[in-house]
Amino acid sequence: MVSSILNITGKRSIDIMIQLSPLILLPIITYLFQSVMTLKVDEEYNRPQFHLTPEKGWMNDPNGLWYDRKDKIWHAYYQHLPNQTTHGPVINWGHSTSKDLMKWDVHDDALFPDNKTGHGIFSGAVVIDRNNTSGFFNDSLDPEHRIVALYTLNTPTSETQELAYSLDGGYSFIKYDKNPVIDVDTPQQRDPKVLWHEETQKWVMLVAKTQEYKVEFWSSSNLKEWELISNFTGGVLGFQYECPGLFKLPIENAKEDGPDSKWVLILAINPGSPIGGSFNQYFIGDFDGKTFTPDDHATRIQDFGKDYYAFQAFDNTEPEDGAIGIAWASNWQYANLVPTKKWRHSQSLARKHTLRYVDVNPETNQLALVQTPVFETKETKADPSLKSWDVINEYDLEDTVLTSETLVGSDFNSERNSSGVLDFNLTFTVAPNATYGLNFGINIDSQIVEGTKETIQVVFDAQQTTWFIDRTTQHNFQRKIPYFQERLSLYHQFASSDAEKGNTYHVYGIVDRNILELYFNNGEITSTNTFFFSQNKIPSSISIATDTDEEIFTLDSLVIRELGLK
């Protein structure tokens, strides 16, 4: 959570009374009707289909994520203002649920401030109090539904940590009558994330002491009474810390003489990102129930795009699911201004997280956070009929040399409307003799509207082994907002190398109306970016092209799909 710096509003009402003949009035009525219909399209044409969005109003940080093991439902709360599309301090917890993390059902807001004058329910966490350590529940309530929320109450002069509990499966909450549970007399302590530490049999809360650059660790046996046990600071400081998180992850390729798991601490910064605005950093280390000890002092970036912030993991996932979580898909530099109408912002796709030893350069191999999109849950894998989405169309090829004469790509929608949701899975090899200036582009094209189309690109520079993303469109918003950088770059090592064939790379991408998520080398690096095609244009095709005649690039495998909700 952070309060907005810039709000732009402007309304003018003019009442005019005139007398018109029916012949003059009819065209005016027709025009107004068409304008209303056009407005309806404008409000929805760039709404993502597979990403969680609010039905209406403003959305930012994900809050209180948890999985209901009894009913097999994923619950997501989030910062929500249902009656406005810019951020403000009097904010609620919105609420949505999903059976497969792809299609979301929107419910009534679940938590509200009692005082509507400058008070807001800021970010927080949900835990399952199976053993009723809080004393809020009786034996009639299933242990899997003993739900406790901890959140920040923000007022004009203070931020305190408060507690509420639910007796109906998380759809409404009762506030603890002895709130707050933590009050350290400050306006800058927020965003609690709570977990159960099995070894010490204690609840542990992480909370940001935002402008002192601290993550405070608190301990409790009953969720009501808390003791400060340690502090952590490190990494990029920026203006302030926000939204900390902590979870234990398995190491995919653990070494024989090393651990098979490590703890990861996530920390959000705003402003202060190396590429501007807000971002998440992470630290790998150990946690003993009291103190987090990082393995080193390096700052590692969770996502190299502009639109990935305030990540949170779901509580109460099955052990085999690992850490699954989502993040807010926007950036505070321009969040209040993006060109959507009825609603504003989305969350990222759910991602599964593990750790992997990766070669960051030819001489260094180290642990890195690996993120992969979750398209199927345990339930949908066991019963595919439970999936909420289908593959509508598919294009694939193998072992194709790409030159300027090669035509590679899909156009699924020449005879009908596009779903606006496309993905691609590409493995390619670059010959050892690649020279400066040789590159190829993955082109994501819009539908043709009124004779024009727009394209965003993901481009690979063979000589510098660097990717850049060009999200330039014709939308006026992108022309007017300087912080909405249209070109971004990132570097990563190849997936494998062969002295004769060259270096091999892998990239997976999914584009959903106005958001592009990229996963390089099976999730070792990610980049999440929003974009905005102009009116009524949505993604409809993907092609791959190069301007070189040299046989430098081999497409080892390529799959392009159009996806749609059932």
Protein backbone atom coordinates (compact mmCIF):
# COMPACT_ATOMS: atom_id res chain seq x y z
CA MET A 1 0.00 0.00 0.00
CA VAL A 2 1.06 3.59 -0.63
CA SER A 3 -1.03 6.71 -0.97
CA SER A 4 -1.16 8.27 -4.42
CA ILE A 5 0.88 11.36 -5.25
CA LEU A 6 -1.06 12.45 -8.33
CA ASN A 7 -4.83 12.58 -8.83
CA ILE A 8 -6.39 14.21 -11.87
CA THR A 9 -10.13 14.84 -11.99
CA GLY A 10 -12.26 17.15 -14.01
CA LYS A 11 -16.03 17.32 -14.43
CA ARG A 12 -18.29 19.96 -15.88
CA SER A 13 -22.07 19.93 -16.09
CA ILE A 14 -23.93 22.12 -18.57
CA ASP A 15 -27.72 22.12 -18.83
CA ILE A 16 -29.23 23.41 -22.09
CA MET A 17 -32.93 23.52 -22.92
CA ILE A 18 -33.87 23.84 -26.61
CA GLN A 19 -36.78 22.94 -28.80
CA LEU A 20 -36.08 20.54 -31.67
CA SER A 21 -38.23 19.05 -34.40
CA PRO A 22 -38.47 15.23 -34.57
CA LEU A 23 -36.45 15.23 -37.82
CA ILE A 24 -33.57 16.94 -36.04
CA LEU A 25 -34.00 15.02 -32.79
CA LEU A 26 -33.89 11.53 -34.37
CA PRO A 27 -30.27 11.77 -35.64
CA ILE A 28 -29.20 13.18 -32.28
CA ILE A 29 -30.83 10.30 -30.39
CA THR A 30 -29.22 7.82 -32.81
CA TYR A 31 -25.81 9.43 -32.30
CA LEU A 32 -26.17 9.39 -28.51
CA PHE A 33 -27.22 5.73 -28.57
CA GLN A 34 -24.21 4.81 -30.71
CA SER A 35 -21.96 6.79 -28.38
CA VAL A 36 -23.27 4.90 -25.36
CA MET A 37 -22.72 1.58 -27.13
CA THR A 38 -19.18 2.64 -28.09
CA LEU A 39 -18.51 3.65 -24.48
CA LYS A 40 -19.55 0.19 -23.32
CA VAL A 41 -17.04 -1.39 -25.69
CA ASP A 42 -14.35 1.07 -24.57
CA GLU A 43 -14.83 0.08 -20.95
CA GLU A 44 -14.27 -3.61 -21.56
CA TYR A 45 -12.22 -4.19 -24.73
CA ASN A 46 -8.85 -4.28 -22.96
CA ARG A 47 -9.95 -6.08 -19.77
CA PRO A 48 -7.75 -9.18 -19.24
CA GLN A 49 -9.60 -12.50 -19.35
CA PHE A 50 -7.24 -14.79 -17.37
CA HIS A 51 -6.00 -12.18 -14.90
CA LEU A 52 -7.95 -11.15 -11.80
CA THR A 53 -9.60 -7.74 -12.22
CA PRO A 54 -12.22 -5.91 -10.14
CA GLU A 55 -15.73 -5.80 -11.56
CA LYS A 56 -15.54 -2.04 -11.12
CA GLY A 57 -13.38 0.51 -9.41
CA TRP A 58 -9.77 0.61 -8.29
CA MET A 59 -7.57 -2.38 -7.38
CA ASN A 60 -4.02 -2.55 -6.05
CA ASP A 61 -2.06 -4.86 -3.68
CA PRO A 62 -3.16 -8.48 -3.26
CA ASN A 63 -4.05 -9.20 0.37
CA GLY A 64 -4.87 -12.20 2.55
CA LEU A 65 -4.37 -14.86 -0.11
CA TRP A 66 -5.32 -18.37 1.05
CA TYR A 67 -6.37 -21.76 -0.23
CA ASP A 68 -9.45 -23.51 1.17
CA ARG A 69 -8.42 -27.17 1.36
CA LYS A 70 -11.93 -28.22 2.37
CA ASP A 71 -13.86 -26.61 -0.50
CA LYS A 72 -10.93 -26.56 -2.99
CA ILE A 73 -11.24 -22.81 -3.61
CA TRP A 74 -8.57 -20.13 -3.92
CA HIS A 75 -9.40 -16.86 -2.12
CA ALA A 76 -7.87 -13.53 -3.11
CA TYR A 77 -8.50 -10.27 -1.29
CA TYR A 78 -7.08 -7.01 -2.59
CA GLN A 79 -7.06 -3.28 -2.02
CA HIS A 80 -10.32 -2.07 -3.54
CA LEU A 81 -12.25 1.15 -4.05
CA PRO A 82 -15.49 0.11 -5.76
CA ASN A 83 -16.77 3.61 -6.53
CA GLN A 84 -13.69 5.29 -8.00
CA THR A 85 -10.80 4.42 -10.31
CA THR A 86 -8.03 6.36 -8.57
CA HIS A 87 -6.34 5.46 -5.31
CA GLY A 88 -7.55 6.89 -2.02
CA PRO A 89 -7.03 6.25 1.71
CA VAL A 90 -10.58 5.07 2.56
CA ILE A 91 -10.10 1.61 1.09
CA ASN A 92 -11.57 -1.89 1.55
CA TRP A 93 -10.52 -5.48 1.04
CA GLY A 94 -12.15 -6.63 -2.20
CA HIS A 95 -12.74 -10.37 -2.56
CA SER A 96 -12.66 -12.88 -5.42
CA THR A 97 -12.46 -16.67 -5.60
CA SER A 98 -11.35 -19.21 -8.18
CA LYS A 99 -11.37 -22.97 -8.58
CA ASP A 100 -8.36 -23.04 -10.90
CA LEU A 101 -6.58 -19.65 -10.54
CA MET A 102 -7.61 -18.71 -14.10
CA LYS A 103 -11.29 -17.75 -13.94
CA TRP A 104 -12.32 -15.55 -11.02
CA ASP A 105 -15.69 -14.93 -9.39
CA VAL A 106 -16.14 -11.52 -7.77
CA HIS A 107 -17.83 -11.25 -4.35
CA ASP A 108 -18.84 -8.37 -2.11
CA ASP A 109 -16.00 -6.58 -0.36
CA ALA A 110 -15.04 -8.46 2.80
CA LEU A 111 -13.43 -5.89 5.13
CA PHE A 112 -14.33 -2.22 5.57
CA PRO A 113 -13.12 0.59 7.84
CA ASP A 114 -15.62 1.54 10.56
CA ASN A 115 -14.71 5.20 10.24
CA LYS A 116 -15.11 6.43 6.66
CA THR A 117 -13.29 9.71 7.35
CA GLY A 118 -9.76 9.02 6.21
CA HIS A 119 -9.54 5.46 7.59
CA GLY A 120 -8.63 2.50 5.40
CA ILE A 121 -8.08 -1.25 5.63
CA PHE A 122 -4.58 -1.48 4.16
CA SER A 123 -2.69 -4.64 3.18
CA GLY A 124 -2.44 -7.75 5.33
CA ALA A 125 -2.61 -11.52 5.57
CA VAL A 126 -4.97 -14.43 6.26
CA VAL A 127 -4.02 -17.56 8.20
CA ILE A 128 -5.89 -20.74 9.11
CA ASP A 129 -6.01 -21.11 12.90
CA ARG A 130 -6.70 -24.87 12.89
CA ASN A 131 -5.86 -25.37 16.55
CA ASN A 132 -7.90 -22.34 17.64
CA THR A 133 -4.92 -20.64 19.25
CA SER A 134 -6.88 -17.37 19.11
CA GLY A 135 -9.91 -18.76 20.96
CA PHE A 136 -12.33 -17.25 18.42
CA PHE A 137 -13.85 -20.55 17.27
CA ASN A 138 -15.81 -23.46 18.70
CA ASP A 139 -15.89 -27.12 17.75
CA SER A 140 -18.81 -26.65 15.35
CA LEU A 141 -16.58 -24.86 12.83
CA ASP A 142 -14.41 -27.02 10.60
CA PRO A 143 -10.71 -26.41 11.44
CA GLU A 144 -10.08 -25.61 7.75
CA HIS A 145 -12.48 -22.67 8.05
CA ARG A 146 -10.99 -21.07 11.18
CA ILE A 147 -9.91 -17.98 9.29
CA VAL A 148 -8.09 -15.04 10.87
CA ALA A 149 -7.11 -11.86 9.01
CA LEU A 150 -4.40 -9.46 10.19
CA TYR A 151 -4.23 -6.08 8.47
CA THR A 152 -3.10 -2.48 8.84
CA LEU A 153 -5.63 0.14 9.89
CA ASN A 154 -4.45 3.37 8.28
CA THR A 155 -5.66 6.70 9.66
CA PRO A 156 -4.47 10.27 8.98
CA THR A 157 -2.14 10.06 12.01
CA SER A 158 -1.34 6.38 12.61
CA GLU A 159 -0.91 2.86 11.30
CA THR A 160 -1.76 -0.02 13.63
CA GLN A 161 -2.04 -3.76 13.13
CA GLU A 162 -5.49 -5.20 13.71
CA LEU A 163 -7.21 -8.56 13.69
CA ALA A 164 -10.52 -9.94 12.41
CA TYR A 165 -11.94 -13.44 12.08
CA SER A 166 -14.49 -15.14 9.85
CA LEU A 167 -17.22 -17.65 10.67
CA ASP A 168 -18.53 -18.08 7.11
CA GLY A 169 -15.54 -19.29 5.11
CA GLY A 170 -13.92 -15.91 4.54
CA TYR A 171 -16.80 -14.00 2.94
CA SER A 172 -17.23 -11.62 5.89
CA PHE A 173 -15.20 -10.78 9.00
CA ILE A 174 -15.79 -9.84 12.63
CA LYS A 175 -13.27 -7.37 14.04
CA TYR A 176 -11.52 -8.23 17.31
CA ASP A 177 -13.00 -6.06 20.08
CA LYS A 178 -9.58 -5.37 21.61
CA ASN A 179 -7.87 -4.07 18.48
CA PRO A 180 -5.19 -2.98 17.77
CA VAL A 181 -2.93 -5.95 18.48
CA ILE A 182 0.21 -3.90 17.64
CA ASP A 183 0.46 -0.14 18.15
CA VAL A 184 3.94 1.41 18.20
CA ASP A 185 2.72 5.01 17.79
CA THR A 186 3.80 5.58 14.19
CA PRO A 187 2.14 6.47 10.87
CA GLN A 188 4.59 4.23 8.98
CA GLN A 189 4.22 0.57 10.02
CA ARG A 190 2.15 -1.61 7.71
CA ASP A 191 1.46 -4.67 5.54
CA PRO A 192 1.66 -7.62 7.98
CA LYS A 193 2.37 -11.08 6.57
CA VAL A 194 1.86 -13.94 9.02
CA LEU A 195 2.99 -17.58 8.98
CA TRP A 196 3.03 -20.53 11.36
CA HIS A 197 6.57 -21.64 12.27
CA GLU A 198 6.32 -25.34 13.02
CA GLU A 199 9.67 -25.78 14.78
CA THR A 200 8.99 -23.10 17.41
CA GLN A 201 5.21 -23.62 17.47
CA LYS A 202 4.66 -19.88 17.13
CA TRP A 203 2.99 -17.46 14.79
CA VAL A 204 5.46 -15.10 13.12
CA MET A 205 4.51 -11.72 11.67
CA LEU A 206 6.60 -9.69 9.26
CA VAL A 207 5.61 -6.03 9.11
CA ALA A 208 7.32 -3.13 7.33
CA LYS A 209 8.62 -0.21 9.39
CA THR A 210 8.47 1.52 6.08
CA GLN A 211 10.57 4.67 6.36
CA GLU A 212 13.08 3.26 8.82
CA TYR A 213 13.96 0.59 6.22
CA LYS A 214 13.15 -2.28 8.57
CA VAL A 215 11.24 -5.51 8.32
CA GLU A 216 10.14 -6.23 11.87
CA PHE A 217 9.65 -9.83 13.02
CA TRP A 218 7.04 -10.36 15.74
CA SER A 219 6.08 -13.59 17.52
CA SER A 220 2.82 -14.77 19.10
CA SER A 221 1.24 -17.91 20.48
CA ASN A 222 -2.36 -16.72 20.04
CA LEU A 223 -2.41 -14.08 17.24
CA LYS A 224 -3.52 -11.46 19.79
CA GLU A 225 -0.42 -10.74 21.87
CA TRP A 226 2.78 -10.01 19.95
CA GLU A 227 6.46 -9.65 20.90
CA LEU A 228 9.09 -7.95 18.72
CA ILE A 229 11.89 -10.49 18.20
CA SER A 230 14.17 -9.16 15.42
CA ASN A 231 14.65 -6.74 12.53
CA PHE A 232 15.96 -7.12 8.98
CA THR A 233 17.29 -4.46 6.63
CA GLY A 234 19.16 -4.67 3.35
CA GLY A 235 19.11 -4.29 -0.39
CA VAL A 236 17.77 -1.31 -2.31
CA LEU A 237 16.32 1.22 0.11
CA GLY A 238 14.46 3.56 -2.23
CA PHE A 239 11.94 5.79 -0.49
CA GLN A 240 10.34 3.12 1.71
CA TYR A 241 9.86 -0.59 2.36
CA GLU A 242 6.46 -2.22 1.87
CA CYS A 243 4.70 -5.61 1.67
CA PRO A 244 7.26 -8.09 3.07
CA GLY A 245 6.82 -11.85 2.67
CA LEU A 246 8.66 -14.99 3.76
CA PHE A 247 8.41 -18.61 2.63
CA LYS A 248 10.49 -21.77 2.45
CA LEU A 249 11.24 -23.15 -1.02
CA PRO A 250 12.71 -26.40 -2.33
CA ILE A 251 15.89 -26.32 -4.41
CA GLU A 252 15.22 -28.08 -7.73
CA ASN A 253 18.82 -29.15 -8.34
CA ALA A 254 20.12 -29.33 -4.78
CA LYS A 255 23.76 -30.29 -4.36
CA GLU A 256 24.72 -33.47 -2.53
CA ASP A 257 26.62 -31.58 0.15
CA GLY A 258 24.13 -28.72 0.45
CA PRO A 259 20.62 -28.01 1.73
CA ASP A 260 17.52 -29.14 -0.16
CA SER A 261 15.58 -25.96 0.70
CA LYS A 262 16.07 -22.32 1.64
CA TRP A 263 13.99 -19.42 2.94
CA VAL A 264 13.18 -16.47 0.67
CA LEU A 265 12.28 -12.99 1.93
CA ILE A 266 10.39 -10.74 -0.51
CA LEU A 267 10.43 -6.97 -0.02
CA ALA A 268 8.69 -4.27 -2.06
CA ILE A 269 10.19 -0.82 -2.71
CA ASN A 270 8.32 2.29 -3.83
CA PRO A 271 9.60 4.50 -5.29
CA GLY A 272 13.19 3.52 -5.99
CA SER A 273 13.16 0.80 -8.66
CA PRO A 274 16.30 0.73 -10.84
CA ILE A 275 13.99 1.19 -13.85
CA GLY A 276 11.66 3.63 -12.12
CA GLY A 277 8.77 3.48 -9.70
CA SER A 278 7.92 0.35 -7.73
CA PHE A 279 9.44 -3.15 -7.73
CA ASN A 280 10.10 -6.26 -5.63
CA GLN A 281 13.48 -7.50 -4.45
CA TYR A 282 14.27 -10.79 -2.74
CA PHE A 283 16.85 -12.35 -0.45
CA ILE A 284 17.79 -16.03 -0.02
CA GLY A 285 18.82 -17.27 3.41
CA ASP A 286 17.84 -19.08 6.60
CA PHE A 287 15.14 -18.48 9.21
CA ASP A 288 15.16 -20.03 12.70
CA GLY A 289 11.78 -18.75 13.85
CA LYS A 290 13.30 -15.54 15.15
CA THR A 291 15.90 -14.11 12.77
CA PHE A 292 16.25 -14.11 9.00
CA THR A 293 19.90 -14.45 7.98
CA PRO A 294 20.61 -13.82 4.28
CA ASP A 295 23.24 -15.89 2.48
CA ASP A 296 24.77 -12.69 1.09
CA HIS A 297 24.04 -9.00 0.76
CA ALA A 298 23.13 -9.06 -2.93
CA THR A 299 19.93 -7.44 -4.14
CA ARG A 300 18.02 -9.73 -6.49
CA ILE A 301 15.09 -8.50 -8.56
CA GLN A 302 11.96 -10.65 -8.58
CA ASP A 303 10.63 -9.40 -11.93
CA PHE A 304 12.41 -7.25 -14.53
CA GLY A 305 9.29 -5.58 -15.93
CA LYS A 306 7.59 -2.34 -14.97
CA ASP A 307 4.32 -3.86 -13.73
CA TYR A 308 4.87 -6.37 -10.93
CA TYR A 309 4.55 -5.16 -7.33
CA ALA A 310 3.50 -6.15 -3.80
CA PHE A 311 3.82 -9.90 -4.37
CA GLN A 312 2.08 -12.18 -1.87
CA ALA A 313 1.99 -15.98 -1.57
CA PHE A 314 -1.16 -17.97 -0.81
CA ASP A 315 -1.38 -19.35 2.71
CA ASN A 316 -2.45 -22.95 3.39
CA THR A 317 -1.42 -24.44 0.05
CA GLU A 318 -0.84 -28.18 -0.15
CA PRO A 319 2.83 -29.07 0.50
CA GLU A 320 3.29 -30.37 -3.05
CA ASP A 321 2.00 -27.08 -4.49
CA GLY A 322 4.95 -25.09 -3.15
CA ALA A 323 4.72 -21.31 -2.87
CA ILE A 324 2.05 -19.97 -5.23
CA GLY A 325 1.37 -16.26 -5.38
CA ILE A 326 0.33 -13.20 -7.37
CA ALA A 327 1.38 -9.55 -7.62
CA TRP A 328 -0.25 -6.27 -8.57
CA ALA A 329 0.30 -5.69 -12.30
CA SER A 330 0.96 -1.97 -12.31
CA ASN A 331 3.46 0.69 -11.25
CA TRP A 332 2.85 3.62 -8.91
CA GLN A 333 4.48 5.98 -11.45
CA TYR A 334 1.36 5.88 -13.63
CA ALA A 335 -1.17 3.69 -11.80
CA ASN A 336 -3.75 6.45 -11.39
CA LEU A 337 -3.67 7.33 -15.08
CA VAL A 338 -3.83 4.13 -17.13
CA PRO A 339 -6.58 4.25 -19.80
CA THR A 340 -9.27 1.92 -18.55
CA LYS A 341 -12.75 3.15 -17.76
CA LYS A 342 -15.02 1.19 -15.43
CA TRP A 343 -12.19 -0.69 -13.70
CA ARG A 344 -8.50 -0.11 -13.14
CA HIS A 345 -5.71 -2.70 -12.83
CA SER A 346 -5.29 -6.44 -12.58
CA GLN A 347 -3.23 -8.98 -10.70
CA SER A 348 -0.58 -11.12 -12.37
CA LEU A 349 -1.16 -14.74 -13.22
CA ALA A 350 -0.55 -17.06 -10.29
CA ARG A 351 3.05 -18.31 -10.25
CA LYS A 352 4.70 -21.28 -8.62
CA HIS A 353 8.06 -20.56 -6.99
CA THR A 354 11.10 -22.75 -6.45
CA LEU A 355 14.86 -22.21 -6.21
CA ARG A 356 17.41 -23.35 -8.78
CA TYR A 357 21.18 -23.14 -9.16
CA VAL A 358 21.74 -21.19 -12.38
CA ASP A 359 24.77 -19.98 -14.32
CA VAL A 360 24.56 -16.21 -14.06
CA ASN A 361 27.79 -15.90 -16.06
CA PRO A 362 30.52 -18.32 -17.24
CA GLU A 363 32.23 -18.37 -13.83
CA THR A 364 29.39 -18.08 -11.30
CA ASN A 365 26.66 -20.55 -10.43
CA GLN A 366 24.25 -19.47 -7.70
CA LEU A 367 20.73 -19.87 -6.38
CA ALA A 368 17.95 -17.92 -8.06
CA LEU A 369 14.20 -17.65 -7.63
CA VAL A 370 12.37 -19.55 -10.39
CA GLN A 371 8.80 -18.57 -11.34
CA THR A 372 6.44 -20.50 -13.61
CA PRO A 373 2.80 -19.70 -14.43
CA VAL A 374 0.15 -21.94 -12.90
CA PHE A 375 -2.28 -23.07 -15.61
CA GLU A 376 -3.43 -26.23 -13.86
CA THR A 377 -4.05 -27.05 -10.22
CA LYS A 378 -4.00 -30.48 -8.65
CA GLU A 379 -7.77 -30.71 -9.11
CA THR A 380 -7.78 -29.79 -12.82
CA LYS A 381 -4.91 -32.18 -13.52
CA ALA A 382 -6.94 -35.00 -11.97
CA ASP A 383 -10.15 -33.95 -13.75
CA PRO A 384 -9.60 -31.83 -16.90
CA SER A 385 -13.34 -31.11 -17.10
CA LEU A 386 -12.85 -28.72 -14.17
CA LYS A 387 -10.65 -26.43 -16.26
CA SER A 388 -12.22 -23.06 -16.97
CA TRP A 389 -10.33 -22.48 -20.23
CA ASP A 390 -9.63 -24.11 -23.59
CA VAL A 391 -7.11 -23.96 -26.40
CA ILE A 392 -9.06 -22.41 -29.28
CA ASN A 393 -6.35 -22.58 -31.95
CA GLU A 394 -2.76 -23.81 -32.17
CA TYR A 395 0.19 -23.29 -34.52
CA ASP A 396 3.49 -25.18 -34.23
CA LEU A 397 6.72 -25.89 -36.08
CA GLU A 398 10.14 -27.44 -35.46
CA ASP A 399 13.71 -27.17 -36.77
CA THR A 400 13.21 -24.12 -38.97
CA VAL A 401 16.01 -21.76 -40.01
CA LEU A 402 14.77 -18.18 -39.71
CA THR A 403 15.82 -15.65 -42.37
CA SER A 404 14.23 -12.59 -43.92
CA GLU A 405 12.58 -14.92 -46.44
CA THR A 406 10.92 -17.12 -43.78
CA LEU A 407 7.28 -16.57 -42.89
CA VAL A 408 6.59 -17.80 -39.36
CA GLY A 409 3.50 -17.05 -37.32
CA SER A 410 -0.19 -17.34 -36.72
CA ASP A 411 -3.26 -15.36 -37.68
CA PHE A 412 -6.09 -17.22 -36.01
CA ASN A 413 -8.71 -14.55 -36.41
CA SER A 414 -9.15 -13.54 -40.03
CA GLU A 415 -12.79 -14.62 -40.02
CA ARG A 416 -13.91 -13.93 -36.45
CA ASN A 417 -13.15 -11.95 -33.34
CA SER A 418 -10.08 -12.75 -31.28
CA SER A 419 -10.22 -13.79 -27.63
CA GLY A 420 -7.31 -11.43 -27.07
CA VAL A 421 -5.40 -14.15 -25.16
CA LEU A 422 -2.38 -15.70 -26.90
CA ASP A 423 0.69 -17.53 -25.69
CA PHE A 424 3.91 -18.74 -27.28
CA ASN A 425 6.57 -21.25 -26.28
CA LEU A 426 9.85 -20.83 -28.17
CA THR A 427 13.20 -22.59 -28.06
CA PHE A 428 15.82 -21.29 -30.48
CA THR A 429 19.55 -21.55 -31.15
CA VAL A 430 21.90 -18.77 -32.22
CA ALA A 431 24.85 -19.78 -34.41
CA PRO A 432 28.35 -19.05 -33.02
CA ASN A 433 29.11 -16.54 -35.80
CA ALA A 434 26.42 -14.02 -34.83
CA THR A 435 27.62 -10.45 -35.38
CA TYR A 436 26.52 -6.99 -34.31
CA GLY A 437 23.10 -5.86 -35.43
CA LEU A 438 21.56 -9.28 -36.01
CA ASN A 439 18.29 -9.80 -34.18
CA PHE A 440 14.81 -11.18 -34.53
CA GLY A 441 11.50 -10.04 -33.17
CA ILE A 442 8.44 -11.74 -31.73
CA ASN A 443 5.63 -9.52 -33.01
CA ILE A 444 2.30 -9.40 -31.18
CA ASP A 445 -0.24 -7.79 -33.50
CA SER A 446 -3.66 -6.37 -32.82
CA GLN A 447 -6.71 -6.89 -34.96
CA ILE A 448 -7.10 -4.55 -37.91
CA VAL A 449 -9.57 -1.81 -36.95
CA GLU A 450 -10.50 0.89 -39.46
CA GLY A 451 -7.64 -0.23 -41.69
CA THR A 452 -4.87 -0.08 -39.07
CA LYS A 453 -3.24 -2.45 -36.62
CA GLU A 454 -0.72 -2.04 -33.81
CA THR A 455 2.20 -4.20 -32.72
CA ILE A 456 4.26 -4.70 -29.59
CA GLN A 457 7.56 -6.56 -29.87
CA VAL A 458 9.86 -8.84 -27.90
CA VAL A 459 13.24 -8.60 -29.64
CA PHE A 460 16.43 -10.65 -29.19
CA ASP A 461 19.79 -9.03 -30.00
CA ALA A 462 22.10 -11.88 -30.97
CA GLN A 463 25.40 -10.05 -30.58
CA GLN A 464 24.67 -8.62 -27.13
CA THR A 465 22.55 -11.63 -26.08
CA THR A 466 20.04 -9.13 -24.77
CA TRP A 467 16.26 -8.93 -24.98
CA PHE A 468 14.32 -5.73 -25.30
CA ILE A 469 10.59 -5.21 -25.07
CA ASP A 470 8.94 -2.49 -27.14
CA ARG A 471 5.42 -1.75 -25.94
CA THR A 472 4.94 1.30 -28.16
CA THR A 473 1.36 1.73 -29.39
CA GLN A 474 -0.74 4.51 -30.87
CA HIS A 475 -2.66 5.16 -27.64
CA ASN A 476 -2.54 8.79 -26.51
CA PHE A 477 -1.90 7.70 -22.91
CA GLN A 478 1.52 6.36 -23.85
CA ARG A 479 2.38 9.58 -25.70
CA LYS A 480 1.57 11.76 -22.70
CA ILE A 481 3.00 9.84 -19.71
CA PRO A 482 6.83 9.98 -19.66
CA TYR A 483 7.13 7.40 -16.88
CA PHE A 484 5.46 4.72 -19.00
CA GLN A 485 8.74 3.65 -20.62
CA GLU A 486 7.93 2.01 -23.91
CA ARG A 487 11.26 0.20 -24.37
CA LEU A 488 12.79 -2.02 -21.69
CA SER A 489 15.76 -4.39 -21.84
CA LEU A 490 17.06 -7.34 -19.85
CA TYR A 491 19.95 -9.79 -20.04
CA HIS A 492 20.23 -13.45 -19.15
CA GLN A 493 22.52 -16.37 -19.87
CA PHE A 494 21.67 -19.01 -22.46
CA ALA A 495 19.89 -22.18 -21.37
CA SER A 496 22.56 -24.42 -22.93
CA SER A 497 25.56 -24.11 -25.23
CA ASP A 498 27.23 -26.20 -27.94
CA ALA A 499 30.53 -25.19 -29.53
CA GLU A 500 29.36 -26.15 -33.01
CA LYS A 501 25.63 -25.35 -32.94
CA GLY A 502 25.72 -22.26 -30.72
CA ASN A 503 23.75 -21.03 -27.71
CA THR A 504 20.18 -22.14 -27.05
CA TYR A 505 17.55 -19.97 -25.37
CA HIS A 506 14.00 -20.51 -24.21
CA VAL A 507 11.17 -18.03 -23.71
CA TYR A 508 7.51 -18.47 -22.84
CA GLY A 509 5.10 -15.57 -23.09
CA ILE A 510 1.41 -14.98 -22.52
CA VAL A 511 -0.44 -11.88 -23.67
CA ASP A 512 -3.89 -11.21 -22.21
CA ARG A 513 -5.60 -8.14 -23.70
CA ASN A 514 -3.37 -5.49 -22.05
CA ILE A 515 -0.70 -7.43 -20.16
CA LEU A 516 2.35 -9.40 -21.33
CA GLU A 517 4.14 -11.84 -19.02
CA LEU A 518 7.49 -13.29 -20.17
CA TYR A 519 9.35 -16.23 -18.62
CA PHE A 520 12.93 -16.76 -19.82
CA ASN A 521 14.83 -20.04 -19.50
CA ASN A 522 11.98 -21.82 -17.75
CA GLY A 523 11.31 -19.05 -15.28
CA GLU A 524 14.81 -18.04 -14.23
CA ILE A 525 14.01 -14.45 -15.23
CA THR A 526 10.58 -12.88 -15.71
CA SER A 527 9.30 -9.59 -17.07
CA THR A 528 5.72 -8.34 -16.64
CA ASN A 529 4.49 -5.30 -18.55
CA THR A 530 1.15 -3.74 -19.36
CA PHE A 531 0.43 -2.04 -22.68
CA PHE A 532 -2.55 -0.31 -24.23
CA PHE A 533 -3.62 -0.69 -27.83
CA SER A 534 -5.83 2.14 -29.02
CA GLN A 535 -9.61 1.90 -29.13
CA ASN A 536 -11.15 -1.53 -29.75
CA LYS A 537 -7.87 -3.25 -30.67
CA ILE A 538 -6.86 -6.45 -28.90
CA PRO A 539 -4.09 -8.99 -29.60
CA SER A 540 -4.94 -11.38 -32.42
CA SER A 541 -1.75 -12.88 -33.89
CA ILE A 542 1.92 -13.60 -33.23
CA SER A 543 4.69 -13.76 -35.81
CA ILE A 544 8.48 -14.11 -35.73
CA ALA A 545 10.69 -12.30 -38.20
CA THR A 546 14.27 -11.21 -38.84
CA ASP A 547 15.80 -8.80 -41.34
CA THR A 548 18.95 -10.84 -41.97
CA ASP A 549 19.59 -13.22 -44.86
CA GLU A 550 22.23 -15.08 -42.84
CA GLU A 551 21.31 -18.43 -41.35
CA ILE A 552 21.94 -17.36 -37.77
CA PHE A 553 18.72 -18.32 -36.01
CA THR A 554 17.22 -21.80 -35.81
CA LEU A 555 13.76 -22.16 -34.31
CA ASP A 556 14.11 -25.53 -32.58
CA SER A 557 10.48 -25.56 -31.51
CA LEU A 558 7.63 -23.07 -31.53
CA VAL A 559 4.05 -23.36 -30.31
CA ILE A 560 1.59 -20.47 -30.55
CA ARG A 561 -1.89 -20.82 -29.08
CA GLU A 562 -5.06 -18.83 -28.79
CA LEU A 563 -6.72 -19.40 -25.41
CA GLY A 564 -10.21 -18.66 -24.17
CA LEU A 565 -12.40 -19.04 -21.13
CA LYS A 566 -15.17 -21.62 -21.41
